[in-house]
Amino acid sequence: MHIYGPAHLHGPQAVGAPHSTRSARPTSQVGSSPIKDEVNISDAARLIEQVKQAPDIRQDRVQAIRAQIASGTYETSDKLSKAVSGLLDEIG
């Protein structure tokens, strides 16, 4: 074993380009599967897509329902039970 200390200078060494090719052999691993791309879609992106797929708002229908609510004829027990059932199906 040789210990040269801090004052020892090494002789000239070859300087290689940073992108030089050192081996022409491909680096393949035996038995490994090829790399595959993967896409993960967030819940927010799914929700945005659902909103984009939703039909346009029918203003005439909205105005008719608002008039029924204002007059007190919109809320019936049948409509409320359907709404609660739909809400529970959506949540659960």
Protein backbone atom coordinates (compact mmCIF):
# COMPACT_ATOMS: atom_id res chain seq x y z
CA MET A 1 0.00 0.00 0.00
CA HIS A 2 1.31 3.44 -0.93
CA ILE A 3 0.33 6.59 0.94
CA TYR A 4 1.47 9.71 -0.87
CA GLY A 5 0.06 12.53 1.28
CA PRO A 6 -1.50 15.83 0.22
CA ALA A 7 1.43 17.09 -1.87
CA HIS A 8 1.50 14.19 -4.31
CA LEU A 9 0.42 15.08 -7.85
CA HIS A 10 -0.87 12.51 -10.25
CA GLY A 11 0.40 12.38 -13.78
CA PRO A 12 -1.59 13.50 -16.80
CA GLN A 13 -4.90 11.73 -17.35
CA ALA A 14 -7.09 11.57 -20.44
CA VAL A 15 -10.05 13.89 -20.55
CA GLY A 16 -13.15 12.35 -22.08
CA ALA A 17 -16.14 14.15 -23.51
CA PRO A 18 -19.09 14.18 -21.12
CA HIS A 19 -21.28 12.27 -23.55
CA SER A 20 -18.81 9.74 -24.78
CA THR A 21 -20.03 6.23 -25.29
CA ARG A 22 -18.11 3.82 -23.15
CA SER A 23 -19.73 0.61 -24.27
CA ALA A 24 -21.61 -0.33 -27.37
CA ARG A 25 -23.42 -3.13 -25.55
CA PRO A 26 -27.06 -2.50 -24.69
CA THR A 27 -27.77 -2.76 -20.99
CA SER A 28 -30.64 -5.21 -20.96
CA GLN A 29 -31.68 -7.14 -17.93
CA VAL A 30 -32.53 -10.76 -18.43
CA GLY A 31 -36.03 -11.68 -17.26
CA SER A 32 -37.25 -8.14 -16.61
CA SER A 33 -40.45 -6.87 -18.12
CA PRO A 34 -40.36 -3.82 -20.41
CA ILE A 35 -41.11 -0.42 -18.95
CA LYS A 36 -44.76 0.51 -19.38
CA ASP A 37 -46.38 3.93 -19.19
CA GLU A 38 -49.06 4.45 -16.59
CA VAL A 39 -51.75 7.10 -16.29
CA ASN A 40 -53.53 7.94 -13.06
CA ILE A 41 -56.65 10.09 -13.32
CA SER A 42 -57.56 11.99 -10.16
CA ASP A 43 -61.04 12.09 -8.67
CA ALA A 44 -61.21 15.82 -9.46
CA ALA A 45 -60.50 15.12 -13.13
CA ARG A 46 -63.23 12.46 -13.20
CA LEU A 47 -65.68 14.92 -11.66
CA ILE A 48 -64.79 17.57 -14.23
CA GLU A 49 -65.35 15.07 -17.02
CA GLN A 50 -68.77 14.17 -15.57
CA VAL A 51 -69.70 17.85 -15.47
CA LYS A 52 -68.63 18.24 -19.10
CA GLN A 53 -70.80 15.25 -20.05
CA ALA A 54 -73.86 16.65 -18.22
CA PRO A 55 -76.62 18.01 -20.42
CA ASP A 56 -77.09 21.75 -20.76
CA ILE A 57 -79.40 23.55 -18.32
CA ARG A 58 -82.94 23.95 -19.53
CA GLN A 59 -83.86 27.41 -18.29
CA ASP A 60 -87.57 26.97 -19.09
CA ARG A 61 -87.71 23.90 -16.83
CA VAL A 62 -85.80 25.70 -14.07
CA GLN A 63 -88.20 28.64 -14.19
CA ALA A 64 -91.24 26.32 -14.04
CA ILE A 65 -89.87 24.50 -10.97
CA ARG A 66 -89.00 27.80 -9.28
CA ALA A 67 -92.57 28.95 -9.83
CA GLN A 68 -93.91 25.69 -8.31
CA ILE A 69 -91.62 26.08 -5.28
CA ALA A 70 -92.72 29.69 -4.82
CA SER A 71 -96.37 28.70 -4.96
CA GLY A 72 -95.83 25.76 -2.58
CA THR A 73 -96.98 23.05 -5.02
CA TYR A 74 -93.59 21.53 -5.84
CA GLU A 75 -92.75 19.62 -2.66
CA THR A 76 -94.85 16.48 -2.45
CA SER A 77 -94.16 13.44 -0.32
CA ASP A 78 -93.56 11.34 -3.43
CA LYS A 79 -90.96 13.76 -4.81
CA LEU A 80 -89.22 14.03 -1.43
CA SER A 81 -89.00 10.25 -1.00
CA LYS A 82 -87.53 9.90 -4.51
CA ALA A 83 -85.01 12.65 -3.78
CA VAL A 84 -83.96 11.07 -0.47
CA SER A 85 -83.71 7.65 -2.08
CA GLY A 86 -81.55 9.03 -4.89
CA LEU A 87 -79.35 10.85 -2.40
CA LEU A 88 -78.85 7.71 -0.32
CA ASP A 89 -78.01 5.71 -3.45
CA GLU A 90 -75.47 8.37 -4.44
CA ILE A 91 -73.82 8.44 -1.01
CA GLY A 92 -73.87 4.71 -0.32
